[in-house]
Structure formats: structure tokens, C-alpha cells
Amino acid sequence: MTLVELLIAIAILTLGIGGFTMLASKSWKMNSFVMEAGNATGKATRALNETIKNLRKIRQADDGSYPIKSVSNTSLTVYLDDDGDNVTERVHYYLDSVTQTFKKGVTKPSGTPASYPAGDQTVSVVTNYVVNTAAQPVFEYYNSDYPIDTVNNPIVNPVPANVKLVKVRLWVNIKPLTAPDNVNLESFVEFRNLNDNN
């Protein structure tokens, strides 16, 4: 074997090892990304299911207020027993677009007669990596005529007294600037308890 042949063999071996290393590195990164994205989507799915379960429990506030306090595309404030203590808390679900998190603020009533202090007393993150835009509302509201009436639903300018059904939609993506596209998670909740408040 000549020196030239030896150098060519070493060059080919080096290129082969380099290519294999690059392939293994990319595979490892892709596998890590898929696992992380799967975990984030799984957590968001569980968080959405828990939110829907809680929203089904809305009821009149301890100060007599209507079960739905306020509604918007990115925020919903209702009254429900959040922690199972037979006390009705004010619960505020909302999108924090700066941190790309879906949050829940809980305010317990105080005093006799009961009243609710202004603002959220306890705020927690329900799920991360929520990338909804203005064109992708977190909450859409429907009246009692849905699904027969699709002209007036979802409600364009909702007021709490008209809302009977809510669609909660979360767009989740751990790296919004890279593929794959956002994962769409959505579910409906019907406010059955509102029939007692009309």
C-alpha cells in the first residue's frame, strides 16, 4: 500500500465517520424534539380536559352574582367550587401571550356577607407553549340556539347572560418558529347550571 492510497483511505474513513456522527446527532435532536413536543401536547390535553371539567361546575357566586362574570376571546371569568370546599371561588382562565401560557387565577370570597376582592389572589399556570393569535381565539361563545343557528354563532360580541356553550381552543407549539405546525386542541363545554339562573 502506497502513501497516497493510505491517505485516500484515511480521508474516506474520516468522511464516513463525520457523516455518521452528523446523522446520529440530527437523529438525536429530532428524537428529543418529538419527545418534548409529545410531552407538551400531552400536558396541554390533560390541562384542557381539567379546564372543561371545572367549567362544568359553574354556579351562582356566594355574593349572589351570575355564574359567568366576564367573557372575551382570551379570557373567561366564572364562579365555581374550585377546590371542593363548598365555597364558590371566582376563577379566571386567560391566555398570557407574553409568556405563551394559559393561566388560572382563583379568588376566594371573604367577609359576611361574602364579597370577592378585586384581582386574582392565586395565579397558576395551567399549561405552557400556548401560541394562540388574535385570529385564533382561546374562547368562542355560543347561545342556546346552537347548533341550529349557525348565523349568530359563535357570538360576535358575547355578554355573559347569552352564553350557554363555550369552545375552548389551545394551539400548542414548543418551537413556533420551526416545523412542525401548531397542534390544535379544542373542546366544548355546555353550562347546564345556567338553566337554573334564567
Protein backbone atom coordinates (compact mmCIF):
# COMPACT_ATOMS: atom_id res chain seq x y z
CA MET A 1 0.00 0.00 0.00
CA THR A 2 1.43 3.35 -1.01
CA LEU A 3 1.32 6.55 0.99
CA VAL A 4 -1.22 8.04 -1.43
CA GLU A 5 -3.54 5.05 -1.04
CA LEU A 6 -3.19 5.27 2.76
CA LEU A 7 -4.08 9.00 2.73
CA ILE A 8 -7.10 8.33 0.49
CA ALA A 9 -8.28 5.54 2.79
CA ILE A 10 -7.90 7.78 5.86
CA ALA A 11 -9.82 10.59 4.08
CA ILE A 12 -12.66 8.23 3.13
CA LEU A 13 -12.79 6.84 6.69
CA THR A 14 -12.83 10.38 8.15
CA LEU A 15 -15.67 11.43 5.82
CA GLY A 16 -17.63 8.28 6.71
CA ILE A 17 -17.21 8.83 10.46
CA GLY A 18 -18.12 12.53 10.08
CA GLY A 19 -21.26 11.68 8.10
CA PHE A 20 -22.32 9.03 10.59
CA THR A 21 -21.72 11.41 13.51
CA MET A 22 -23.79 14.15 11.82
CA LEU A 23 -26.61 11.70 11.08
CA ALA A 24 -26.61 10.40 14.66
CA SER A 25 -26.61 13.96 16.05
CA LYS A 26 -29.55 15.04 13.87
CA SER A 27 -31.46 11.88 14.75
CA TRP A 28 -30.86 12.51 18.46
CA LYS A 29 -32.05 16.13 18.19
CA MET A 30 -35.14 15.13 16.21
CA ASN A 31 -35.97 12.39 18.69
CA SER A 32 -35.58 14.82 21.61
CA PHE A 33 -37.81 17.38 19.85
CA VAL A 34 -40.51 14.80 19.12
CA MET A 35 -40.46 13.58 22.73
CA GLU A 36 -40.59 17.14 24.10
CA ALA A 37 -43.40 18.13 21.72
CA GLY A 38 -45.33 14.97 22.63
CA ASN A 39 -44.96 15.69 26.34
CA ALA A 40 -46.08 19.31 25.89
CA THR A 41 -49.11 18.24 23.85
CA GLY A 42 -49.99 15.57 26.41
CA LYS A 43 -49.80 18.09 29.27
CA ALA A 44 -51.89 20.59 27.31
CA THR A 45 -54.51 17.91 26.58
CA ARG A 46 -54.76 17.00 30.27
CA ALA A 47 -54.95 20.71 31.18
CA LEU A 48 -57.72 21.31 28.64
CA ASN A 49 -59.70 18.33 29.96
CA GLU A 50 -59.31 19.59 33.53
CA THR A 51 -60.43 23.09 32.49
CA ILE A 52 -63.53 21.70 30.77
CA LYS A 53 -64.32 19.55 33.83
CA ASN A 54 -64.06 22.61 36.09
CA LEU A 55 -66.16 24.82 33.82
CA ARG A 56 -69.00 22.29 34.00
CA LYS A 57 -69.24 23.10 37.73
CA ILE A 58 -70.09 26.80 37.38
CA ARG A 59 -72.72 28.11 39.76
CA GLN A 60 -74.05 31.27 41.35
CA ALA A 61 -71.44 33.16 43.36
CA ASP A 62 -71.61 33.30 47.16
CA ASP A 63 -72.45 37.03 46.87
CA GLY A 64 -75.36 36.22 44.51
CA SER A 65 -73.57 37.16 41.27
CA TYR A 66 -74.43 35.46 37.98
CA PRO A 67 -72.26 32.33 37.34
CA ILE A 68 -70.41 33.97 34.42
CA LYS A 69 -68.69 37.23 35.37
CA SER A 70 -66.94 38.20 32.12
CA VAL A 71 -66.11 36.85 28.67
CA SER A 72 -63.62 37.71 25.92
CA ASN A 73 -61.61 35.92 23.22
CA THR A 74 -58.67 35.32 25.55
CA SER A 75 -60.30 35.38 28.99
CA LEU A 76 -63.21 33.80 30.86
CA THR A 77 -64.17 34.52 34.46
CA VAL A 78 -66.73 32.31 36.20
CA TYR A 79 -67.81 31.23 39.66
CA LEU A 80 -67.34 27.61 40.76
CA ASP A 81 -66.14 25.48 43.66
CA ASP A 82 -62.55 25.08 42.52
CA ASP A 83 -61.14 23.13 45.47
CA GLY A 84 -64.15 21.11 46.68
CA ASP A 85 -64.60 23.02 49.97
CA ASN A 86 -68.24 24.03 49.30
CA VAL A 87 -67.15 27.66 48.88
CA THR A 88 -67.66 29.27 45.48
CA GLU A 89 -64.45 30.84 44.16
CA ARG A 90 -64.12 33.30 41.29
CA VAL A 91 -61.98 31.57 38.66
CA HIS A 92 -60.33 33.49 35.85
CA TYR A 93 -58.95 31.49 32.89
CA TYR A 94 -56.82 33.52 30.48
CA LEU A 95 -54.04 33.48 27.91
CA ASP A 96 -50.80 35.22 28.85
CA SER A 97 -49.48 35.81 25.33
CA VAL A 98 -46.19 37.30 26.58
CA THR A 99 -45.14 34.08 28.32
CA GLN A 100 -47.22 31.82 26.00
CA THR A 101 -49.00 30.26 28.96
CA PHE A 102 -52.63 29.50 29.73
CA LYS A 103 -53.27 30.55 33.33
CA LYS A 104 -55.87 30.30 36.05
CA GLY A 105 -56.46 32.92 38.72
CA VAL A 106 -58.55 31.96 41.77
CA THR A 107 -60.13 34.40 44.23
CA LYS A 108 -61.83 33.18 47.40
CA PRO A 109 -64.73 35.16 48.87
CA SER A 110 -64.24 36.97 52.15
CA GLY A 111 -66.40 38.59 54.80
CA THR A 112 -70.06 38.34 55.70
CA PRO A 113 -71.90 38.92 53.50
CA ALA A 114 -69.47 37.37 51.05
CA SER A 115 -67.58 39.58 48.61
CA TYR A 116 -64.78 38.97 46.15
CA PRO A 117 -61.66 41.17 46.32
CA ALA A 118 -60.51 42.78 43.07
CA GLY A 119 -57.88 40.88 41.07
CA ASP A 120 -56.71 37.28 41.12
CA GLN A 121 -55.44 36.19 44.52
CA THR A 122 -53.74 32.96 43.42
CA VAL A 123 -52.45 32.55 39.87
CA SER A 124 -51.17 29.26 38.48
CA VAL A 125 -50.02 28.09 35.06
CA VAL A 126 -52.48 25.59 33.58
CA THR A 127 -50.24 24.75 30.61
CA ASN A 128 -47.26 26.11 28.65
CA TYR A 129 -46.40 26.69 24.96
CA VAL A 130 -49.84 28.11 24.06
CA VAL A 131 -49.37 30.19 20.89
CA ASN A 132 -52.91 31.35 20.04
CA THR A 133 -53.02 34.56 17.99
CA ALA A 134 -55.74 37.19 17.67
CA ALA A 135 -57.12 35.20 14.73
CA GLN A 136 -57.21 32.05 16.93
CA PRO A 137 -59.33 32.88 19.99
CA VAL A 138 -58.95 30.73 23.09
CA PHE A 139 -62.67 31.07 23.86
CA GLU A 140 -65.64 31.13 21.49
CA TYR A 141 -69.16 31.59 22.85
CA TYR A 142 -72.47 30.16 21.66
CA ASN A 143 -76.09 30.85 22.58
CA SER A 144 -78.83 28.33 23.34
CA ASP A 145 -79.86 28.14 19.66
CA TYR A 146 -76.60 26.48 18.60
CA PRO A 147 -76.16 24.21 16.56
CA ILE A 148 -79.42 25.04 14.74
CA ASP A 149 -78.49 28.73 14.45
CA THR A 150 -75.10 28.93 12.77
CA VAL A 151 -75.62 32.51 11.55
CA ASN A 152 -75.45 34.04 15.04
CA ASN A 153 -72.95 31.54 16.43
CA PRO A 154 -70.29 31.87 17.60
CA ILE A 155 -71.49 35.11 19.21
CA VAL A 156 -69.56 38.10 17.86
CA ASN A 157 -69.96 40.38 20.91
CA PRO A 158 -70.86 37.98 23.72
CA VAL A 159 -72.41 39.04 27.01
CA PRO A 160 -72.48 36.59 29.93
CA ALA A 161 -76.27 36.25 30.03
CA ASN A 162 -76.38 34.97 26.41
CA VAL A 163 -73.63 32.36 26.73
CA LYS A 164 -74.75 28.73 27.07
CA LEU A 165 -71.86 26.90 25.40
CA VAL A 166 -68.14 27.64 25.19
CA LYS A 167 -65.49 26.27 22.87
CA VAL A 168 -62.01 26.26 24.42
CA ARG A 169 -59.21 26.00 21.85
CA LEU A 170 -55.48 25.88 22.58
CA TRP A 171 -52.81 25.99 19.86
CA VAL A 172 -49.66 24.37 21.26
CA ASN A 173 -46.11 24.52 19.87
CA ILE A 174 -42.84 24.24 21.79
CA LYS A 175 -40.86 25.93 18.97
CA PRO A 176 -43.21 28.17 16.97
CA LEU A 177 -40.50 29.32 14.54
CA THR A 178 -39.70 25.79 13.32
CA ALA A 179 -41.71 22.91 11.86
CA PRO A 180 -43.96 21.10 12.58
CA ASP A 181 -47.07 23.28 12.70
CA ASN A 182 -49.05 24.10 15.84
CA VAL A 183 -51.13 21.36 17.43
CA ASN A 184 -54.82 22.32 17.77
CA LEU A 185 -56.58 21.11 20.93
CA GLU A 186 -60.23 22.02 21.41
CA SER A 187 -63.30 21.02 23.36
CA PHE A 188 -66.80 22.30 24.12
CA VAL A 189 -68.44 22.80 27.50
CA GLU A 190 -72.17 23.31 28.00
CA PHE A 191 -73.20 25.34 31.03
CA ARG A 192 -76.11 23.20 32.21
CA ASN A 193 -76.38 25.04 35.54
CA LEU A 194 -77.30 28.26 33.75
CA ASN A 195 -80.80 26.94 33.14
CA ASP A 196 -81.47 27.48 36.87
CA ASN A 197 -80.34 31.11 36.67
CA ASN A 198 -82.64 32.32 33.87
